[in-house]
Amino acid sequence: MKMNKILTVDDSETDQFYVKAIINSYDPDIQIIQAYDGREALNILLDHQDQKPDLILLDINMPGMNGHEFLKEYHQLKDNKSPVIVILTSSSEEKDIEQTKMYSNVVEYLTKPIRHETLNAIQQKYTLGI
């Protein structure tokens, strides 16, 4: 399946720029939506329920609503058609990894940076673009 839309959630403008550049060079047809904290990401998902992304790349450590808080609130929405979530963070803390395992739509925990091979593996491994 082809990825059509990706939501990136990261407070770092530098990381957002890099991820967008990697996605664009991987496939320029993928629509990229950017959020700079968990609250903004939740608002985007709630405002566009009929046009959800295929994939969410979620940072853990952000001011405002962090990645863990986002996962908790998003899980409480009981969204049956929730996107695949990949944690993309600089944290390799075991406690962060363990906390994300509570959520069935979190399919990978990766440390930055993301590469073409990673996007390809995610696309091949998970049913995206439905």
C-alpha atoms as a PDB file:
ATOM      1  CA  MET A   1       0.000   0.000   0.000  1.00  0.00           C
ATOM      2  CA  LYS A   2       1.104   3.547  -0.672  1.00  0.00           C
ATOM      3  CA  MET A   3       1.394   6.221   1.992  1.00  0.00           C
ATOM      4  CA  ASN A   4      -0.640   9.260   0.984  1.00  0.00           C
ATOM      5  CA  LYS A   5      -0.504  11.458   4.075  1.00  0.00           C
ATOM      6  CA  ILE A   6       1.872  11.669   7.044  1.00  0.00           C
ATOM      7  CA  LEU A   7       1.446  13.742  10.202  1.00  0.00           C
ATOM      8  CA  THR A   8       4.750  14.693  11.820  1.00  0.00           C
ATOM      9  CA  VAL A   9       4.612  15.772  15.465  1.00  0.00           C
ATOM     10  CA  ASP A  10       7.806  17.359  16.762  1.00  0.00           C
ATOM     11  CA  ASP A  11       8.575  20.654  18.505  1.00  0.00           C
ATOM     12  CA  SER A  12      11.929  21.060  16.754  1.00  0.00           C
ATOM     13  CA  GLU A  13      11.751  23.115  13.570  1.00  0.00           C
ATOM     14  CA  THR A  14      15.075  21.607  12.497  1.00  0.00           C
ATOM     15  CA  ASP A  15      13.772  18.052  12.916  1.00  0.00           C
ATOM     16  CA  GLN A  16      10.521  18.963  11.147  1.00  0.00           C
ATOM     17  CA  PHE A  17      12.523  20.398   8.240  1.00  0.00           C
ATOM     18  CA  TYR A  18      14.709  17.290   8.024  1.00  0.00           C
ATOM     19  CA  VAL A  19      11.796  14.821   8.195  1.00  0.00           C
ATOM     20  CA  LYS A  20       9.885  16.774   5.558  1.00  0.00           C
ATOM     21  CA  ALA A  21      12.929  16.776   3.267  1.00  0.00           C
ATOM     22  CA  ILE A  22      13.400  13.012   3.694  1.00  0.00           C
ATOM     23  CA  ILE A  23       9.714  12.300   3.022  1.00  0.00           C
ATOM     24  CA  ASN A  24       9.681  14.608  -0.023  1.00  0.00           C
ATOM     25  CA  SER A  25      12.772  12.964  -1.484  1.00  0.00           C
ATOM     26  CA  TYR A  26      11.329   9.512  -0.729  1.00  0.00           C
ATOM     27  CA  ASP A  27       8.003  10.297  -2.421  1.00  0.00           C
ATOM     28  CA  PRO A  28       7.074  13.886  -3.378  1.00  0.00           C
ATOM     29  CA  ASP A  29       3.405  12.912  -3.684  1.00  0.00           C
ATOM     30  CA  ILE A  30       3.025  12.244   0.058  1.00  0.00           C
ATOM     31  CA  GLN A  31       1.128  15.055   1.781  1.00  0.00           C
ATOM     32  CA  ILE A  32       2.880  16.170   4.964  1.00  0.00           C
ATOM     33  CA  ILE A  33       1.021  17.781   7.845  1.00  0.00           C
ATOM     34  CA  GLN A  34       3.115  19.244  10.643  1.00  0.00           C
ATOM     35  CA  ALA A  35       2.234  19.720  14.294  1.00  0.00           C
ATOM     36  CA  TYR A  36       4.602  21.118  16.901  1.00  0.00           C
ATOM     37  CA  ASP A  37       3.130  19.446  20.000  1.00  0.00           C
ATOM     38  CA  GLY A  38       0.601  16.796  20.941  1.00  0.00           C
ATOM     39  CA  ARG A  39      -2.284  19.231  21.421  1.00  0.00           C
ATOM     40  CA  GLU A  40      -1.881  20.651  17.927  1.00  0.00           C
ATOM     41  CA  ALA A  41      -1.719  17.095  16.529  1.00  0.00           C
ATOM     42  CA  LEU A  42      -4.923  16.110  18.361  1.00  0.00           C
ATOM     43  CA  ASN A  43      -6.694  19.198  17.045  1.00  0.00           C
ATOM     44  CA  ILE A  44      -5.605  18.373  13.499  1.00  0.00           C
ATOM     45  CA  LEU A  45      -6.861  14.793  13.835  1.00  0.00           C
ATOM     46  CA  LEU A  46     -10.175  15.885  15.347  1.00  0.00           C
ATOM     47  CA  ASP A  47     -10.728  18.623  12.760  1.00  0.00           C
ATOM     48  CA  HIS A  48     -10.021  16.282   9.840  1.00  0.00           C
ATOM     49  CA  GLN A  49     -11.563  12.998  10.975  1.00  0.00           C
ATOM     50  CA  ASP A  50     -12.606  12.118   7.428  1.00  0.00           C
ATOM     51  CA  GLN A  51      -9.090  12.702   6.038  1.00  0.00           C
ATOM     52  CA  LYS A  52      -6.787  11.008   8.535  1.00  0.00           C
ATOM     53  CA  PRO A  53      -3.115  10.477   7.836  1.00  0.00           C
ATOM     54  CA  ASP A  54      -1.857   6.989   7.089  1.00  0.00           C
ATOM     55  CA  LEU A  55       1.065   7.458   9.434  1.00  0.00           C
ATOM     56  CA  ILE A  56       1.939   9.616  12.442  1.00  0.00           C
ATOM     57  CA  LEU A  57       5.607  10.209  13.260  1.00  0.00           C
ATOM     58  CA  LEU A  58       5.529  11.210  16.933  1.00  0.00           C
ATOM     59  CA  ASP A  59       8.263  12.708  19.081  1.00  0.00           C
ATOM     60  CA  ILE A  60       8.133  11.979  22.815  1.00  0.00           C
ATOM     61  CA  ASN A  61       9.850  14.958  24.435  1.00  0.00           C
ATOM     62  CA  MET A  62       7.948  18.140  23.593  1.00  0.00           C
ATOM     63  CA  PRO A  63       6.780  21.113  25.652  1.00  0.00           C
ATOM     64  CA  GLY A  64       3.056  21.559  26.057  1.00  0.00           C
ATOM     65  CA  MET A  65       1.515  18.156  25.375  1.00  0.00           C
ATOM     66  CA  ASN A  66       4.285  15.586  24.989  1.00  0.00           C
ATOM     67  CA  GLY A  67       4.121  12.325  23.041  1.00  0.00           C
ATOM     68  CA  HIS A  68       2.996  10.229  26.016  1.00  0.00           C
ATOM     69  CA  GLU A  69       0.168  12.642  26.815  1.00  0.00           C
ATOM     70  CA  PHE A  70      -0.861  12.659  23.144  1.00  0.00           C
ATOM     71  CA  LEU A  71      -1.007   8.851  23.065  1.00  0.00           C
ATOM     72  CA  LYS A  72      -3.097   8.728  26.238  1.00  0.00           C
ATOM     73  CA  GLU A  73      -5.640  11.284  24.982  1.00  0.00           C
ATOM     74  CA  TYR A  74      -5.775   9.886  21.466  1.00  0.00           C
ATOM     75  CA  HIS A  75      -6.296   6.361  22.827  1.00  0.00           C
ATOM     76  CA  GLN A  76      -9.239   7.602  24.918  1.00  0.00           C
ATOM     77  CA  LEU A  77     -10.994   8.750  21.729  1.00  0.00           C
ATOM     78  CA  LYS A  78     -11.420   5.048  20.849  1.00  0.00           C
ATOM     79  CA  ASP A  79     -10.849   5.743  17.195  1.00  0.00           C
ATOM     80  CA  ASN A  80     -11.335   2.426  15.369  1.00  0.00           C
ATOM     81  CA  LYS A  81      -9.594   3.669  12.235  1.00  0.00           C
ATOM     82  CA  SER A  82      -6.624   5.300  13.881  1.00  0.00           C
ATOM     83  CA  PRO A  83      -3.449   5.778  11.856  1.00  0.00           C
ATOM     84  CA  VAL A  84      -0.305   3.761  12.359  1.00  0.00           C
ATOM     85  CA  ILE A  85       1.941   5.569  14.847  1.00  0.00           C
ATOM     86  CA  VAL A  86       5.720   5.385  14.768  1.00  0.00           C
ATOM     87  CA  ILE A  87       7.611   6.972  17.623  1.00  0.00           C
ATOM     88  CA  LEU A  88      10.492   8.980  16.164  1.00  0.00           C
ATOM     89  CA  THR A  89      12.457  10.486  18.994  1.00  0.00           C
ATOM     90  CA  SER A  90      15.914  11.135  20.360  1.00  0.00           C
ATOM     91  CA  SER A  91      15.022   9.287  23.578  1.00  0.00           C
ATOM     92  CA  SER A  92      16.270   5.748  23.996  1.00  0.00           C
ATOM     93  CA  GLU A  93      15.083   5.648  27.614  1.00  0.00           C
ATOM     94  CA  GLU A  94      13.651   2.240  28.520  1.00  0.00           C
ATOM     95  CA  LYS A  95      10.775   3.882  30.431  1.00  0.00           C
ATOM     96  CA  ASP A  96       9.729   5.789  27.294  1.00  0.00           C
ATOM     97  CA  ILE A  97       9.869   2.621  25.201  1.00  0.00           C
ATOM     98  CA  GLU A  98       7.816   0.668  27.742  1.00  0.00           C
ATOM     99  CA  GLN A  99       5.163   3.402  28.040  1.00  0.00           C
ATOM    100  CA  THR A 100       4.526   3.413  24.290  1.00  0.00           C
ATOM    101  CA  LYS A 101       3.994  -0.373  24.198  1.00  0.00           C
ATOM    102  CA  MET A 102       0.634   0.164  25.934  1.00  0.00           C
ATOM    103  CA  TYR A 103      -0.872   1.472  22.695  1.00  0.00           C
ATOM    104  CA  SER A 104      -1.695  -0.996  19.925  1.00  0.00           C
ATOM    105  CA  ASN A 105      -1.440   1.557  17.121  1.00  0.00           C
ATOM    106  CA  VAL A 106       2.201   2.319  18.061  1.00  0.00           C
ATOM    107  CA  VAL A 107       4.025  -0.111  15.802  1.00  0.00           C
ATOM    108  CA  GLU A 108       7.644   1.054  15.990  1.00  0.00           C
ATOM    109  CA  TYR A 109       9.905   2.960  18.352  1.00  0.00           C
ATOM    110  CA  LEU A 110      12.735   4.555  16.385  1.00  0.00           C
ATOM    111  CA  THR A 111      15.452   7.003  17.267  1.00  0.00           C
ATOM    112  CA  LYS A 112      16.155   9.969  15.031  1.00  0.00           C
ATOM    113  CA  PRO A 113      17.043  10.520  12.277  1.00  0.00           C
ATOM    114  CA  ILE A 114      14.653   8.829   9.857  1.00  0.00           C
ATOM    115  CA  ARG A 115      15.944   7.518   6.551  1.00  0.00           C
ATOM    116  CA  HIS A 116      14.472   6.402   3.227  1.00  0.00           C
ATOM    117  CA  GLU A 117      15.001   2.769   4.182  1.00  0.00           C
ATOM    118  CA  THR A 118      12.957   3.298   7.326  1.00  0.00           C
ATOM    119  CA  LEU A 119      10.029   4.815   5.417  1.00  0.00           C
ATOM    120  CA  ASN A 120      10.172   1.995   2.900  1.00  0.00           C
ATOM    121  CA  ALA A 121      10.207  -0.641   5.660  1.00  0.00           C
ATOM    122  CA  ILE A 122       7.246   0.996   7.390  1.00  0.00           C
ATOM    123  CA  GLN A 123       5.312   1.138   4.132  1.00  0.00           C
ATOM    124  CA  GLN A 124       6.102  -2.518   3.349  1.00  0.00           C
ATOM    125  CA  LYS A 125       5.396  -3.798   6.862  1.00  0.00           C
ATOM    126  CA  TYR A 126       2.129  -2.054   7.706  1.00  0.00           C
ATOM    127  CA  THR A 127      -1.128  -1.622   5.865  1.00  0.00           C
ATOM    128  CA  LEU A 128      -1.000   2.032   4.951  1.00  0.00           C
ATOM    129  CA  GLY A 129      -2.997   4.140   2.552  1.00  0.00           C
ATOM    130  CA  ILE A 130      -6.339   2.507   3.259  1.00  0.00           C
END
